[in-house]
Protein backbone atom coordinates (compact mmCIF):
# COMPACT_ATOMS: atom_id res chain seq x y z
CA MET A 1 -31.71 4.22 -20.61
CA THR A 2 -28.42 2.35 -20.38
CA ILE A 3 -25.07 4.05 -20.09
CA GLU A 4 -22.20 2.06 -21.45
CA LYS A 5 -18.93 2.27 -19.57
CA PRO A 6 -16.02 1.01 -21.64
CA LEU A 7 -13.80 -1.48 -19.88
CA VAL A 8 -10.19 -0.58 -20.34
CA THR A 9 -7.49 -2.43 -18.47
CA PHE A 10 -3.98 -1.26 -17.74
CA PRO A 11 -1.43 -4.00 -17.05
CA ARG A 12 0.10 -2.43 -13.96
CA ARG A 13 0.35 -3.54 -10.39
CA SER A 14 0.29 -1.24 -7.41
CA ILE A 15 2.21 -1.50 -4.17
CA GLY A 16 0.90 0.57 -1.29
CA PHE A 17 2.43 1.56 2.02
CA TYR A 18 -0.09 2.99 4.51
CA ALA A 19 1.91 4.98 7.06
CA PHE A 20 0.39 5.68 10.46
CA THR A 21 3.16 8.22 10.90
CA GLY A 22 5.33 9.52 8.11
CA GLN A 23 4.51 9.45 4.42
CA SER A 24 2.30 6.86 2.75
CA VAL A 25 3.53 5.64 -0.62
CA ILE A 26 1.91 4.11 -3.69
CA THR A 27 4.00 2.94 -6.60
CA PHE A 28 3.19 1.18 -9.85
CA LYS A 29 5.08 -1.68 -11.42
CA GLU A 30 4.58 -3.71 -14.58
CA ARG A 31 5.19 -6.90 -12.61
CA LEU A 32 5.41 -7.81 -8.94
CA VAL A 33 8.71 -9.64 -8.68
CA LYS A 34 11.43 -9.43 -6.07
CA GLU A 35 13.37 -6.72 -7.94
CA THR A 36 10.36 -4.42 -8.23
CA ILE A 37 9.43 -5.01 -4.60
CA VAL A 38 12.98 -3.98 -3.64
CA GLU A 39 12.45 -0.79 -5.69
CA ALA A 40 9.23 -0.17 -3.75
CA LEU A 41 11.05 -0.62 -0.43
CA GLU A 42 13.63 1.93 -1.57
CA GLU A 43 10.85 4.38 -2.47
CA ILE A 44 9.23 3.86 0.95
CA ARG A 45 12.55 4.53 2.70
CA GLU A 46 13.21 7.58 0.49
CA GLN A 47 9.86 9.07 1.53
CA ASN A 48 10.46 8.17 5.19
CA PRO A 49 14.20 8.75 5.69
CA SER A 50 14.36 8.88 9.46
CA ASP A 51 11.32 7.03 10.75
CA ARG A 52 11.28 3.47 11.98
CA ILE A 53 9.47 1.40 9.39
CA LEU A 54 7.47 -1.61 10.45
CA LEU A 55 5.85 -3.05 7.33
CA VAL A 56 2.85 -5.33 7.80
CA ALA A 57 2.71 -7.65 4.79
CA ASP A 58 0.84 -10.66 3.52
CA ASN A 59 2.65 -13.85 2.63
CA TYR A 60 3.05 -13.15 -1.07
CA GLY A 61 5.91 -15.41 -2.13
CA SER A 62 8.27 -12.64 -3.21
CA HIS A 63 8.03 -10.95 0.18
CA HIS A 64 10.09 -13.80 1.62
CA ALA A 65 12.81 -13.75 -1.05
CA ASN A 66 16.35 -13.41 0.28
CA LEU A 67 16.96 -10.35 -1.92
CA ILE A 68 13.99 -8.55 -0.39
CA GLN A 69 14.84 -9.50 3.17
CA GLN A 70 18.47 -8.47 2.70
CA ARG A 71 17.53 -5.08 1.21
CA ALA A 72 14.89 -4.52 3.90
CA ASP A 73 17.57 -5.11 6.54
CA GLU A 74 19.91 -2.64 4.80
CA LEU A 75 17.10 -0.05 4.68
CA ASP A 76 16.14 -0.73 8.32
CA ILE A 77 12.66 -1.88 7.32
CA GLU A 78 11.20 -4.63 9.47
CA PHE A 79 8.57 -6.97 8.05
CA VAL A 80 5.71 -8.36 10.12
CA PHE A 81 3.92 -11.10 8.21
CA ILE A 82 0.24 -11.69 8.84
CA PRO A 83 -1.02 -15.27 8.86
CA PRO A 84 -2.29 -16.70 5.56
CA TYR A 85 -5.90 -15.90 4.65
CA SER A 86 -6.23 -13.11 7.20
CA PRO A 87 -6.42 -9.82 5.28
CA THR A 88 -8.39 -8.26 8.14
CA LEU A 89 -5.13 -8.16 10.10
CA ASN A 90 -3.61 -5.81 7.52
CA ALA A 91 -4.56 -2.18 8.20
CA ILE A 92 -4.25 -1.21 4.52
CA GLU A 93 -7.14 -3.45 3.39
CA PRO A 94 -9.97 -0.99 4.27
CA LEU A 95 -8.04 1.72 2.43
CA TRP A 96 -7.84 -0.47 -0.70
CA LYS A 97 -11.59 -1.12 -0.39
CA ASP A 98 -12.43 2.60 -0.35
CA LEU A 99 -9.95 3.28 -3.15
CA LYS A 100 -11.69 0.69 -5.35
CA ARG A 101 -15.06 2.26 -4.54
CA GLU A 102 -13.81 5.69 -5.63
CA ILE A 103 -12.29 4.30 -8.83
CA SER A 104 -15.41 2.39 -9.85
CA PRO A 105 -17.49 5.26 -11.34
CA GLU A 106 -14.54 6.88 -13.09
CA ILE A 107 -13.54 6.60 -16.73
CA PHE A 108 -9.86 7.03 -17.50
CA ALA A 109 -8.49 8.26 -20.80
CA ASP A 110 -5.15 6.54 -20.45
CA ARG A 111 -2.66 4.93 -18.09
CA ASN A 112 -1.25 8.27 -16.90
CA HIS A 113 -4.70 9.61 -15.97
CA PHE A 114 -5.46 6.35 -14.15
CA SER A 115 -2.15 6.37 -12.25
CA ALA A 116 -2.52 10.05 -11.29
CA PHE A 117 -6.06 9.47 -10.00
CA LEU A 118 -4.96 6.40 -8.03
CA THR A 119 -2.01 8.23 -6.50
CA GLU A 120 -4.01 11.32 -5.50
CA THR A 121 -6.86 9.24 -4.07
CA PHE A 122 -4.57 6.82 -2.22
CA LEU A 123 -2.58 9.64 -0.61
CA ARG A 124 -5.75 11.56 0.32
CA LEU A 125 -7.34 8.48 1.88
CA SER A 126 -4.13 7.46 3.66
CA HIS A 127 -4.27 10.63 5.77
CA ARG A 128 -7.26 9.15 7.58
CA LEU A 129 -6.27 6.97 10.48
CA SER A 130 -9.85 5.72 10.71
CA PHE A 131 -8.91 2.85 8.41
CA ALA A 132 -6.49 1.61 11.02
CA SER A 133 -8.44 2.46 14.17
CA ASP A 134 -9.46 -1.12 15.01
CA TRP A 135 -5.99 -2.37 14.11
CA ILE A 136 -4.40 0.23 16.37
CA LYS A 137 -6.75 -0.61 19.25
CA THR A 138 -5.92 -4.30 18.89
CA PHE A 139 -2.20 -4.25 18.20
CA LEU A 140 -1.01 -0.87 19.52
CA PRO A 141 -3.23 -0.25 22.56
CA ASP A 142 -0.64 1.91 24.32
CA VAL A 143 -0.24 4.37 21.47
CA GLN A 144 -2.06 7.58 22.36
CA ARG A 145 -1.31 9.73 19.34
CA LEU A 146 0.18 8.78 16.01
CA ARG A 147 0.18 12.07 14.09
């Protein structure tokens, strides 16, 4: 017996912020361009109004745009760029992996259902520091307690 699972795609991109302390954020954009990344930074700051924000990011071209760097400075968000081709240095990668695993068996009626499921799952998973445990041991060895 074969069960068919319809393949439906939704042309949206997600931007995730995995907070060790504070509030994790996931936001959806039609395109990932400098203006939408600035909007995401503003959402991250809005959800974390008083915390220091150190954002570990890959070297996606838009991350280096002057507009993004200027707005990050205004929002007191500091970027730390990982070397090219080294996703294991980004603590959010294991979270994305588990999120994809949880999405895989699901069938979504529409974009809103998909976005709601992604948001709920991302925020639930982001409460687990286990994704970042090796990263913390390597890069923040003196931190005793983060939450």
